[in-house]
């Protein structure tokens, strides 16, 4: 999401400068932004967001008008095996950024979160922004904690902050531990695809370009202290995603293998997006079939 966000901003807004702070841990890839390296409006700083002594001088030098906080440890499986990095990056790192933004009088702080903080929901219901949090994994619990820190900054300091909660993203540059790029890259190598459980867990999928546009809309027109759900109303079971990918890649269904379900595997996520559509004026533009084919081609 961060790489696509940066490319989109620099392409569409010639009067905007971007500073990219990235720790370049296992999922970071400088090649994602190689085309932007010589752009005079783009700067890069390799830095972990929980590094308070390192963050402050970067804010002092760049003097940002806004912070879009997309940095996170985000893979549920990894959090199950070791939750500490998730707490360090997602909770402590968020607090470090919030404090730096306050000290340097940043005009707006956008905190990008996840639908997973709500937990699972039975059909046909969908979570609204006012619903209580019920995370099921160390990852989603750490994101819920960071959401609360951001909202507390609004209540305590009147800091201009906004929280967004997105459904599953897909598209170019995504690290291949995530389901769609993992299946595509495994298929290109002739390796089997593993589905947890019965494969009928449901996620709402949004193309990353639509999410990027939503974040810009919230940056411009969102209300301080508010939460906005971002989704494409595009629910698919994991089995349906795998089956459609086999068709796009001309692969047999036999490439799909089953594995025991993972701990804390929520059955269904669904977001009610009426708030962002009605008050901010955003809606998704790219269809699932078109975007999935573009992702495979990429």
C-alpha atoms as a PDB file:
ATOM      1  CA  UNK A   1       0.000   0.000   0.000  1.00  0.00           C
ATOM      2  CA  UNK A   2       2.802   2.403   0.826  1.00  0.00           C
ATOM      3  CA  UNK A   3       4.609   1.991  -2.489  1.00  0.00           C
ATOM      4  CA  UNK A   4       1.417   2.413  -4.492  1.00  0.00           C
ATOM      5  CA  UNK A   5       0.439   5.374  -2.353  1.00  0.00           C
ATOM      6  CA  UNK A   6       3.753   7.147  -3.035  1.00  0.00           C
ATOM      7  CA  UNK A   7       3.711   6.489  -6.799  1.00  0.00           C
ATOM      8  CA  UNK A   8       0.106   7.674  -7.077  1.00  0.00           C
ATOM      9  CA  UNK A   9       0.737  10.876  -5.129  1.00  0.00           C
ATOM     10  CA  UNK A  10       3.858  11.880  -7.029  1.00  0.00           C
ATOM     11  CA  UNK A  11       2.140  11.137 -10.347  1.00  0.00           C
ATOM     12  CA  UNK A  12      -1.116  12.976  -9.659  1.00  0.00           C
ATOM     13  CA  UNK A  13       0.037  15.935  -7.541  1.00  0.00           C
ATOM     14  CA  UNK A  14       3.097  17.768  -8.884  1.00  0.00           C
ATOM     15  CA  UNK A  15       3.107  20.243  -5.987  1.00  0.00           C
ATOM     16  CA  UNK A  16       3.453  17.547  -3.294  1.00  0.00           C
ATOM     17  CA  UNK A  17       6.755  16.311  -1.833  1.00  0.00           C
ATOM     18  CA  UNK A  18       6.934  12.875  -0.208  1.00  0.00           C
ATOM     19  CA  UNK A  19       9.253  11.566   2.488  1.00  0.00           C
ATOM     20  CA  UNK A  20       9.124   7.772   2.765  1.00  0.00           C
ATOM     21  CA  UNK A  21      10.151   6.333   6.143  1.00  0.00           C
ATOM     22  CA  UNK A  22      10.617   2.560   5.938  1.00  0.00           C
ATOM     23  CA  UNK A  23      12.592   0.162   8.134  1.00  0.00           C
ATOM     24  CA  UNK A  24      13.164  -2.181   5.165  1.00  0.00           C
ATOM     25  CA  UNK A  25      12.514  -5.266   7.245  1.00  0.00           C
ATOM     26  CA  UNK A  26      11.812  -8.616   5.557  1.00  0.00           C
ATOM     27  CA  UNK A  27       8.875  -7.292   3.504  1.00  0.00           C
ATOM     28  CA  UNK A  28      10.514  -4.046   2.397  1.00  0.00           C
ATOM     29  CA  UNK A  29      11.762  -3.879  -1.180  1.00  0.00           C
ATOM     30  CA  UNK A  30      13.526  -0.749  -2.515  1.00  0.00           C
ATOM     31  CA  UNK A  31      12.895  -1.978  -6.073  1.00  0.00           C
ATOM     32  CA  UNK A  32       9.205  -1.115  -5.603  1.00  0.00           C
ATOM     33  CA  UNK A  33      10.094   2.581  -5.773  1.00  0.00           C
ATOM     34  CA  UNK A  34      13.150   2.434  -8.016  1.00  0.00           C
ATOM     35  CA  UNK A  35      11.359   4.515 -10.661  1.00  0.00           C
ATOM     36  CA  UNK A  36      10.932   7.320  -8.113  1.00  0.00           C
ATOM     37  CA  UNK A  37      14.513   7.355  -6.840  1.00  0.00           C
ATOM     38  CA  UNK A  38      15.562  10.286  -9.061  1.00  0.00           C
ATOM     39  CA  UNK A  39      12.390  12.290  -8.528  1.00  0.00           C
ATOM     40  CA  UNK A  40      13.384  15.552  -6.762  1.00  0.00           C
ATOM     41  CA  UNK A  41      10.068  15.500  -4.871  1.00  0.00           C
ATOM     42  CA  UNK A  42      10.789  12.101  -3.315  1.00  0.00           C
ATOM     43  CA  UNK A  43      12.995  11.386  -0.300  1.00  0.00           C
ATOM     44  CA  UNK A  44      13.682   8.097   1.454  1.00  0.00           C
ATOM     45  CA  UNK A  45      14.870   7.479   5.001  1.00  0.00           C
ATOM     46  CA  UNK A  46      15.560   3.967   6.275  1.00  0.00           C
ATOM     47  CA  UNK A  47      14.318   4.059   9.839  1.00  0.00           C
ATOM     48  CA  UNK A  48      12.182   1.960  12.170  1.00  0.00           C
ATOM     49  CA  UNK A  49       9.142   3.885  13.318  1.00  0.00           C
ATOM     50  CA  UNK A  50       9.701   2.947  16.972  1.00  0.00           C
ATOM     51  CA  UNK A  51      13.129   4.677  16.862  1.00  0.00           C
ATOM     52  CA  UNK A  52      12.181   7.835  18.776  1.00  0.00           C
ATOM     53  CA  UNK A  53      15.667   9.466  18.681  1.00  0.00           C
ATOM     54  CA  UNK A  54      15.834   8.837  14.927  1.00  0.00           C
ATOM     55  CA  UNK A  55      12.299   9.947  14.064  1.00  0.00           C
ATOM     56  CA  UNK A  56      12.437  13.409  15.637  1.00  0.00           C
ATOM     57  CA  UNK A  57      15.236  14.929  13.505  1.00  0.00           C
ATOM     58  CA  UNK A  58      13.604  13.542  10.349  1.00  0.00           C
ATOM     59  CA  UNK A  59      10.382  15.390  11.198  1.00  0.00           C
ATOM     60  CA  UNK A  60      12.386  18.494  12.059  1.00  0.00           C
ATOM     61  CA  UNK A  61      14.147  18.499   8.699  1.00  0.00           C
ATOM     62  CA  UNK A  62      11.167  17.651   6.480  1.00  0.00           C
ATOM     63  CA  UNK A  63       8.430  19.566   8.339  1.00  0.00           C
ATOM     64  CA  UNK A  64       5.535  17.475   6.981  1.00  0.00           C
ATOM     65  CA  UNK A  65       2.052  18.912   6.582  1.00  0.00           C
ATOM     66  CA  UNK A  66       0.540  15.436   6.943  1.00  0.00           C
ATOM     67  CA  UNK A  67       1.522  11.944   8.035  1.00  0.00           C
ATOM     68  CA  UNK A  68       0.026   8.870   6.389  1.00  0.00           C
ATOM     69  CA  UNK A  69       0.908   6.025   8.715  1.00  0.00           C
ATOM     70  CA  UNK A  70       0.863   2.761   6.731  1.00  0.00           C
ATOM     71  CA  UNK A  71       3.822   1.050   8.439  1.00  0.00           C
ATOM     72  CA  UNK A  72       2.868  -2.163  10.238  1.00  0.00           C
ATOM     73  CA  UNK A  73       3.728  -5.744  10.926  1.00  0.00           C
ATOM     74  CA  UNK A  74       0.682  -7.213   9.243  1.00  0.00           C
ATOM     75  CA  UNK A  75       0.794 -10.984   8.744  1.00  0.00           C
ATOM     76  CA  UNK A  76      -1.418 -13.022  11.072  1.00  0.00           C
ATOM     77  CA  UNK A  77       0.654 -16.213  10.800  1.00  0.00           C
ATOM     78  CA  UNK A  78       3.828 -14.439  11.904  1.00  0.00           C
ATOM     79  CA  UNK A  79       2.023 -12.817  14.840  1.00  0.00           C
ATOM     80  CA  UNK A  80       0.845 -16.217  16.054  1.00  0.00           C
ATOM     81  CA  UNK A  81       4.445 -17.433  16.294  1.00  0.00           C
ATOM     82  CA  UNK A  82       5.857 -14.212  17.783  1.00  0.00           C
ATOM     83  CA  UNK A  83       3.668 -11.296  18.809  1.00  0.00           C
ATOM     84  CA  UNK A  84       6.388  -9.026  20.218  1.00  0.00           C
ATOM     85  CA  UNK A  85       7.482  -7.420  16.895  1.00  0.00           C
ATOM     86  CA  UNK A  86       3.829  -6.606  16.223  1.00  0.00           C
ATOM     87  CA  UNK A  87       3.473  -4.808  19.547  1.00  0.00           C
ATOM     88  CA  UNK A  88       6.772  -2.981  19.049  1.00  0.00           C
ATOM     89  CA  UNK A  89       6.020  -1.723  15.544  1.00  0.00           C
ATOM     90  CA  UNK A  90       2.250  -1.356  15.610  1.00  0.00           C
ATOM     91  CA  UNK A  91       1.749  -0.006  19.125  1.00  0.00           C
ATOM     92  CA  UNK A  92       5.029   1.602  20.193  1.00  0.00           C
ATOM     93  CA  UNK A  93       5.812   2.805  16.660  1.00  0.00           C
ATOM     94  CA  UNK A  94       2.413   4.450  16.350  1.00  0.00           C
ATOM     95  CA  UNK A  95       2.877   6.290  19.641  1.00  0.00           C
ATOM     96  CA  UNK A  96       6.320   7.515  18.548  1.00  0.00           C
ATOM     97  CA  UNK A  97       4.859   8.904  15.323  1.00  0.00           C
ATOM     98  CA  UNK A  98       1.930  10.521  17.126  1.00  0.00           C
ATOM     99  CA  UNK A  99       4.225  12.307  19.556  1.00  0.00           C
ATOM    100  CA  UNK A 100       6.524  13.482  16.762  1.00  0.00           C
ATOM    101  CA  UNK A 101       3.519  14.769  14.816  1.00  0.00           C
ATOM    102  CA  UNK A 102       2.368  16.755  17.868  1.00  0.00           C
ATOM    103  CA  UNK A 103       5.791  18.235  18.565  1.00  0.00           C
ATOM    104  CA  UNK A 104       6.173  19.373  14.970  1.00  0.00           C
ATOM    105  CA  UNK A 105       2.584  20.600  14.581  1.00  0.00           C
ATOM    106  CA  UNK A 106       1.665  18.280  11.736  1.00  0.00           C
ATOM    107  CA  UNK A 107      -1.702  19.361  10.381  1.00  0.00           C
ATOM    108  CA  UNK A 108      -3.187  15.893   9.878  1.00  0.00           C
ATOM    109  CA  UNK A 109      -2.320  12.311  10.897  1.00  0.00           C
ATOM    110  CA  UNK A 110      -3.960   9.443   8.974  1.00  0.00           C
ATOM    111  CA  UNK A 111      -3.665   6.071  10.690  1.00  0.00           C
ATOM    112  CA  UNK A 112      -4.289   3.128   8.342  1.00  0.00           C
ATOM    113  CA  UNK A 113      -5.770   0.145  10.169  1.00  0.00           C
ATOM    114  CA  UNK A 114      -7.612  -3.060   9.283  1.00  0.00           C
ATOM    115  CA  UNK A 115     -11.042  -4.663   9.323  1.00  0.00           C
ATOM    116  CA  UNK A 116      -9.535  -7.418  11.468  1.00  0.00           C
ATOM    117  CA  UNK A 117      -9.828  -5.277  14.608  1.00  0.00           C
ATOM    118  CA  UNK A 118     -13.603  -5.933  14.600  1.00  0.00           C
ATOM    119  CA  UNK A 119     -13.253  -9.718  14.530  1.00  0.00           C
ATOM    120  CA  UNK A 120     -15.578 -12.025  12.636  1.00  0.00           C
ATOM    121  CA  UNK A 121     -19.189 -11.229  11.707  1.00  0.00           C
ATOM    122  CA  UNK A 122     -22.071 -13.434  10.617  1.00  0.00           C
ATOM    123  CA  UNK A 123     -23.849 -12.757   7.296  1.00  0.00           C
ATOM    124  CA  UNK A 124     -25.571 -10.568   6.324  1.00  0.00           C
ATOM    125  CA  UNK A 125     -24.218  -8.131   8.931  1.00  0.00           C
ATOM    126  CA  UNK A 126     -21.314  -5.758   8.314  1.00  0.00           C
ATOM    127  CA  UNK A 127     -19.321  -3.778  10.841  1.00  0.00           C
ATOM    128  CA  UNK A 128     -19.886  -0.066  11.230  1.00  0.00           C
ATOM    129  CA  UNK A 129     -17.289   2.333  12.615  1.00  0.00           C
ATOM    130  CA  UNK A 130     -19.110   2.552  15.962  1.00  0.00           C
ATOM    131  CA  UNK A 131     -19.025  -1.209  16.598  1.00  0.00           C
ATOM    132  CA  UNK A 132     -16.840  -2.548  19.426  1.00  0.00           C
ATOM    133  CA  UNK A 133     -13.435  -4.069  18.738  1.00  0.00           C
ATOM    134  CA  UNK A 134     -12.980  -7.817  19.106  1.00  0.00           C
ATOM    135  CA  UNK A 135      -9.560  -8.821  17.666  1.00  0.00           C
ATOM    136  CA  UNK A 136      -8.727 -12.514  17.376  1.00  0.00           C
ATOM    137  CA  UNK A 137      -4.951 -12.600  16.790  1.00  0.00           C
ATOM    138  CA  UNK A 138      -1.862 -10.846  18.176  1.00  0.00           C
ATOM    139  CA  UNK A 139      -1.693  -8.908  14.888  1.00  0.00           C
ATOM    140  CA  UNK A 140      -5.256  -7.590  15.035  1.00  0.00           C
ATOM    141  CA  UNK A 141      -4.948  -6.920  18.775  1.00  0.00           C
ATOM    142  CA  UNK A 142      -1.854  -4.789  18.157  1.00  0.00           C
ATOM    143  CA  UNK A 143      -3.685  -2.852  15.448  1.00  0.00           C
ATOM    144  CA  UNK A 144      -6.668  -2.320  17.752  1.00  0.00           C
ATOM    145  CA  UNK A 145      -4.275  -0.971  20.376  1.00  0.00           C
ATOM    146  CA  UNK A 146      -2.749   1.450  17.895  1.00  0.00           C
ATOM    147  CA  UNK A 147      -6.229   2.610  16.801  1.00  0.00           C
ATOM    148  CA  UNK A 148      -7.058   3.449  20.414  1.00  0.00           C
ATOM    149  CA  UNK A 149      -3.826   5.395  20.862  1.00  0.00           C
ATOM    150  CA  UNK A 150      -4.618   7.485  17.791  1.00  0.00           C
ATOM    151  CA  UNK A 151      -8.163   8.227  18.945  1.00  0.00           C
ATOM    152  CA  UNK A 152      -6.855   9.052  22.433  1.00  0.00           C
ATOM    153  CA  UNK A 153      -4.563  11.668  20.873  1.00  0.00           C
ATOM    154  CA  UNK A 154      -7.669  13.385  19.528  1.00  0.00           C
ATOM    155  CA  UNK A 155      -9.508  13.225  22.863  1.00  0.00           C
ATOM    156  CA  UNK A 156      -6.536  14.245  25.008  1.00  0.00           C
ATOM    157  CA  UNK A 157      -4.633  16.721  22.823  1.00  0.00           C
ATOM    158  CA  UNK A 158      -7.195  17.685  20.144  1.00  0.00           C
ATOM    159  CA  UNK A 159      -4.665  16.310  17.649  1.00  0.00           C
ATOM    160  CA  UNK A 160      -6.005  16.190  14.078  1.00  0.00           C
ATOM    161  CA  UNK A 161      -6.088  12.429  13.539  1.00  0.00           C
ATOM    162  CA  UNK A 162      -8.217  10.117  11.408  1.00  0.00           C
ATOM    163  CA  UNK A 163      -8.401   6.301  11.532  1.00  0.00           C
ATOM    164  CA  UNK A 164      -9.181   4.229   8.434  1.00  0.00           C
ATOM    165  CA  UNK A 165      -9.994   0.522   8.507  1.00  0.00           C
ATOM    166  CA  UNK A 166      -9.576  -1.321   5.237  1.00  0.00           C
ATOM    167  CA  UNK A 167     -10.554  -4.717   3.928  1.00  0.00           C
ATOM    168  CA  UNK A 168      -8.010  -7.022   2.221  1.00  0.00           C
ATOM    169  CA  UNK A 169      -5.875  -5.249  -0.370  1.00  0.00           C
ATOM    170  CA  UNK A 170      -4.353  -6.746  -3.518  1.00  0.00           C
ATOM    171  CA  UNK A 171      -2.399  -5.412  -6.478  1.00  0.00           C
ATOM    172  CA  UNK A 172       1.151  -4.620  -7.634  1.00  0.00           C
ATOM    173  CA  UNK A 173       4.128  -4.618  -5.223  1.00  0.00           C
ATOM    174  CA  UNK A 174       2.415  -6.750  -2.558  1.00  0.00           C
ATOM    175  CA  UNK A 175       4.779  -8.964  -0.570  1.00  0.00           C
ATOM    176  CA  UNK A 176       4.176 -12.600  -1.573  1.00  0.00           C
ATOM    177  CA  UNK A 177       3.302 -13.881   1.901  1.00  0.00           C
ATOM    178  CA  UNK A 178      -0.205 -12.474   1.312  1.00  0.00           C
ATOM    179  CA  UNK A 179      -2.752 -14.819  -0.251  1.00  0.00           C
ATOM    180  CA  UNK A 180      -3.105 -13.487  -3.808  1.00  0.00           C
ATOM    181  CA  UNK A 181       0.579 -12.800  -4.586  1.00  0.00           C
ATOM    182  CA  UNK A 182       1.534 -16.038  -2.800  1.00  0.00           C
ATOM    183  CA  UNK A 183      -0.751 -18.046  -5.056  1.00  0.00           C
ATOM    184  CA  UNK A 184       0.404 -16.220  -8.203  1.00  0.00           C
ATOM    185  CA  UNK A 185       4.125 -16.564  -7.492  1.00  0.00           C
ATOM    186  CA  UNK A 186       3.729 -20.202  -6.422  1.00  0.00           C
ATOM    187  CA  UNK A 187       1.800 -20.894  -9.625  1.00  0.00           C
ATOM    188  CA  UNK A 188       4.548 -19.334 -11.728  1.00  0.00           C
ATOM    189  CA  UNK A 189       7.007 -21.722 -10.072  1.00  0.00           C
ATOM    190  CA  UNK A 190       4.752 -24.757 -10.393  1.00  0.00           C
ATOM    191  CA  UNK A 191       4.358 -25.090  -6.623  1.00  0.00           C
ATOM    192  CA  UNK A 192       1.129 -26.106  -4.863  1.00  0.00           C
ATOM    193  CA  UNK A 193      -1.221 -23.598  -3.223  1.00  0.00           C
ATOM    194  CA  UNK A 194      -2.207 -24.173   0.390  1.00  0.00           C
ATOM    195  CA  UNK A 195      -5.682 -23.264   1.650  1.00  0.00           C
ATOM    196  CA  UNK A 196      -6.409 -23.285   5.371  1.00  0.00           C
ATOM    197  CA  UNK A 197      -9.364 -25.346   6.576  1.00  0.00           C
ATOM    198  CA  UNK A 198     -12.280 -25.665   4.171  1.00  0.00           C
ATOM    199  CA  UNK A 199     -11.276 -22.545   2.224  1.00  0.00           C
ATOM    200  CA  UNK A 200     -14.642 -20.895   2.853  1.00  0.00           C
ATOM    201  CA  UNK A 201     -13.397 -18.006   4.997  1.00  0.00           C
ATOM    202  CA  UNK A 202     -14.746 -14.803   3.460  1.00  0.00           C
ATOM    203  CA  UNK A 203     -12.825 -11.587   2.891  1.00  0.00           C
ATOM    204  CA  UNK A 204     -13.810  -8.376   1.133  1.00  0.00           C
ATOM    205  CA  UNK A 205     -11.130  -7.554  -1.455  1.00  0.00           C
ATOM    206  CA  UNK A 206     -10.224  -4.029  -2.554  1.00  0.00           C
ATOM    207  CA  UNK A 207      -7.770  -3.113  -5.321  1.00  0.00           C
ATOM    208  CA  UNK A 208      -4.899  -1.090  -3.907  1.00  0.00           C
ATOM    209  CA  UNK A 209      -5.468   1.838  -6.301  1.00  0.00           C
ATOM    210  CA  UNK A 210      -8.990   2.264  -4.937  1.00  0.00           C
ATOM    211  CA  UNK A 211      -7.626   2.223  -1.398  1.00  0.00           C
ATOM    212  CA  UNK A 212      -5.004   4.821  -2.318  1.00  0.00           C
ATOM    213  CA  UNK A 213      -7.700   7.136  -3.654  1.00  0.00           C
ATOM    214  CA  UNK A 214      -9.733   6.623  -0.492  1.00  0.00           C
ATOM    215  CA  UNK A 215      -6.801   7.671   1.686  1.00  0.00           C
ATOM    216  CA  UNK A 216      -6.322  10.846  -0.347  1.00  0.00           C
ATOM    217  CA  UNK A 217     -10.038  11.628  -0.040  1.00  0.00           C
ATOM    218  CA  UNK A 218      -9.906  11.159   3.735  1.00  0.00           C
ATOM    219  CA  UNK A 219      -6.772  13.287   3.940  1.00  0.00           C
ATOM    220  CA  UNK A 220      -8.590  16.100   2.135  1.00  0.00           C
ATOM    221  CA  UNK A 221     -12.153  15.784   3.422  1.00  0.00           C
ATOM    222  CA  UNK A 222     -12.213  13.494   6.445  1.00  0.00           C
ATOM    223  CA  UNK A 223     -13.235  14.846   9.849  1.00  0.00           C
ATOM    224  CA  UNK A 224     -10.700  14.891  12.688  1.00  0.00           C
ATOM    225  CA  UNK A 225     -11.285  12.228  15.330  1.00  0.00           C
ATOM    226  CA  UNK A 226     -13.396  10.061  13.022  1.00  0.00           C
ATOM    227  CA  UNK A 227     -13.045   6.471  11.781  1.00  0.00           C
ATOM    228  CA  UNK A 228     -13.750   5.498   8.157  1.00  0.00           C
ATOM    229  CA  UNK A 229     -14.258   1.963   6.858  1.00  0.00           C
ATOM    230  CA  UNK A 230     -12.789   1.378   3.379  1.00  0.00           C
ATOM    231  CA  UNK A 231     -13.938  -1.607   1.324  1.00  0.00           C
ATOM    232  CA  UNK A 232     -15.192  -2.494  -2.152  1.00  0.00           C
ATOM    233  CA  UNK A 233     -18.248  -4.594  -1.258  1.00  0.00           C
ATOM    234  CA  UNK A 234     -16.524  -7.488  -2.993  1.00  0.00           C
ATOM    235  CA  UNK A 235     -16.772 -10.554  -0.704  1.00  0.00           C
ATOM    236  CA  UNK A 236     -15.041 -13.741  -1.869  1.00  0.00           C
ATOM    237  CA  UNK A 237     -14.209 -17.010  -0.182  1.00  0.00           C
ATOM    238  CA  UNK A 238     -10.555 -18.004  -0.254  1.00  0.00           C
ATOM    239  CA  UNK A 239     -11.605 -20.960  -2.395  1.00  0.00           C
ATOM    240  CA  UNK A 240     -13.261 -18.637  -4.933  1.00  0.00           C
ATOM    241  CA  UNK A 241     -10.115 -16.504  -5.129  1.00  0.00           C
ATOM    242  CA  UNK A 242      -7.939 -19.568  -5.692  1.00  0.00           C
ATOM    243  CA  UNK A 243     -10.280 -21.004  -8.313  1.00  0.00           C
ATOM    244  CA  UNK A 244     -10.398 -17.764 -10.309  1.00  0.00           C
ATOM    245  CA  UNK A 245      -6.617 -17.463 -10.198  1.00  0.00           C
ATOM    246  CA  UNK A 246      -6.225 -20.984 -11.604  1.00  0.00           C
ATOM    247  CA  UNK A 247      -8.440 -19.936 -14.523  1.00  0.00           C
ATOM    248  CA  UNK A 248      -6.457 -16.748 -15.170  1.00  0.00           C
ATOM    249  CA  UNK A 249      -3.165 -18.650 -15.036  1.00  0.00           C
ATOM    250  CA  UNK A 250      -4.357 -21.760 -16.933  1.00  0.00           C
ATOM    251  CA  UNK A 251      -3.574 -24.018 -13.992  1.00  0.00           C
ATOM    252  CA  UNK A 252      -5.452 -27.140 -12.836  1.00  0.00           C
ATOM    253  CA  UNK A 253      -7.554 -27.045  -9.678  1.00  0.00           C
ATOM    254  CA  UNK A 254      -5.395 -29.916  -8.410  1.00  0.00           C
ATOM    255  CA  UNK A 255      -2.681 -27.355  -7.593  1.00  0.00           C
ATOM    256  CA  UNK A 256      -4.797 -26.377  -4.556  1.00  0.00           C
ATOM    257  CA  UNK A 257      -4.007 -28.316  -1.382  1.00  0.00           C
ATOM    258  CA  UNK A 258      -5.718 -28.178   2.009  1.00  0.00           C
ATOM    259  CA  UNK A 259      -4.050 -27.673   5.376  1.00  0.00           C
ATOM    260  CA  UNK A 260      -5.297 -27.644   8.946  1.00  0.00           C
ATOM    261  CA  UNK A 261      -6.931 -24.365   9.881  1.00  0.00           C
ATOM    262  CA  UNK A 262      -4.731 -21.803  11.626  1.00  0.00           C
ATOM    263  CA  UNK A 263      -5.442 -20.550  15.173  1.00  0.00           C
ATOM    264  CA  UNK A 264      -7.630 -17.470  15.465  1.00  0.00           C
ATOM    265  CA  UNK A 265      -8.757 -17.687  11.829  1.00  0.00           C
ATOM    266  CA  UNK A 266     -11.796 -15.416  11.590  1.00  0.00           C
ATOM    267  CA  UNK A 267     -14.578 -16.781   9.412  1.00  0.00           C
ATOM    268  CA  UNK A 268     -15.907 -13.631   7.763  1.00  0.00           C
ATOM    269  CA  UNK A 269     -15.004  -9.956   7.591  1.00  0.00           C
ATOM    270  CA  UNK A 270     -17.412  -7.360   6.253  1.00  0.00           C
ATOM    271  CA  UNK A 271     -17.426  -3.567   6.442  1.00  0.00           C
ATOM    272  CA  UNK A 272     -20.245  -1.086   6.096  1.00  0.00           C
ATOM    273  CA  UNK A 273     -18.804   1.753   3.984  1.00  0.00           C
ATOM    274  CA  UNK A 274     -21.784   4.124   3.887  1.00  0.00           C
ATOM    275  CA  UNK A 275     -19.958   6.691   6.010  1.00  0.00           C
ATOM    276  CA  UNK A 276     -17.005   7.269   3.667  1.00  0.00           C
ATOM    277  CA  UNK A 277     -19.232   7.124   0.589  1.00  0.00           C
ATOM    278  CA  UNK A 278     -21.827   9.577   1.946  1.00  0.00           C
ATOM    279  CA  UNK A 279     -19.630  12.048   3.843  1.00  0.00           C
ATOM    280  CA  UNK A 280     -16.279  11.951   2.041  1.00  0.00           C
ATOM    281  CA  UNK A 281     -17.540  11.185  -1.451  1.00  0.00           C
ATOM    282  CA  UNK A 282     -15.341   8.169  -2.225  1.00  0.00           C
ATOM    283  CA  UNK A 283     -16.329   4.926  -3.895  1.00  0.00           C
ATOM    284  CA  UNK A 284     -14.314   2.133  -5.557  1.00  0.00           C
ATOM    285  CA  UNK A 285     -13.802   2.367  -9.313  1.00  0.00           C
ATOM    286  CA  UNK A 286     -11.923  -0.764 -10.422  1.00  0.00           C
ATOM    287  CA  UNK A 287     -13.824  -4.038 -10.806  1.00  0.00           C
ATOM    288  CA  UNK A 288     -12.557  -7.264  -9.271  1.00  0.00           C
ATOM    289  CA  UNK A 289     -12.239  -9.115 -12.585  1.00  0.00           C
ATOM    290  CA  UNK A 290     -10.245  -6.314 -14.220  1.00  0.00           C
ATOM    291  CA  UNK A 291      -8.009  -5.658 -11.217  1.00  0.00           C
ATOM    292  CA  UNK A 292      -7.279  -9.332 -10.546  1.00  0.00           C
ATOM    293  CA  UNK A 293      -6.242  -9.843 -14.166  1.00  0.00           C
ATOM    294  CA  UNK A 294      -4.013  -6.747 -13.954  1.00  0.00           C
ATOM    295  CA  UNK A 295      -2.421  -8.121 -10.803  1.00  0.00           C
ATOM    296  CA  UNK A 296      -1.662 -11.462 -12.446  1.00  0.00           C
ATOM    297  CA  UNK A 297      -0.220  -9.683 -15.515  1.00  0.00           C
ATOM    298  CA  UNK A 298       1.980  -7.528 -13.286  1.00  0.00           C
END
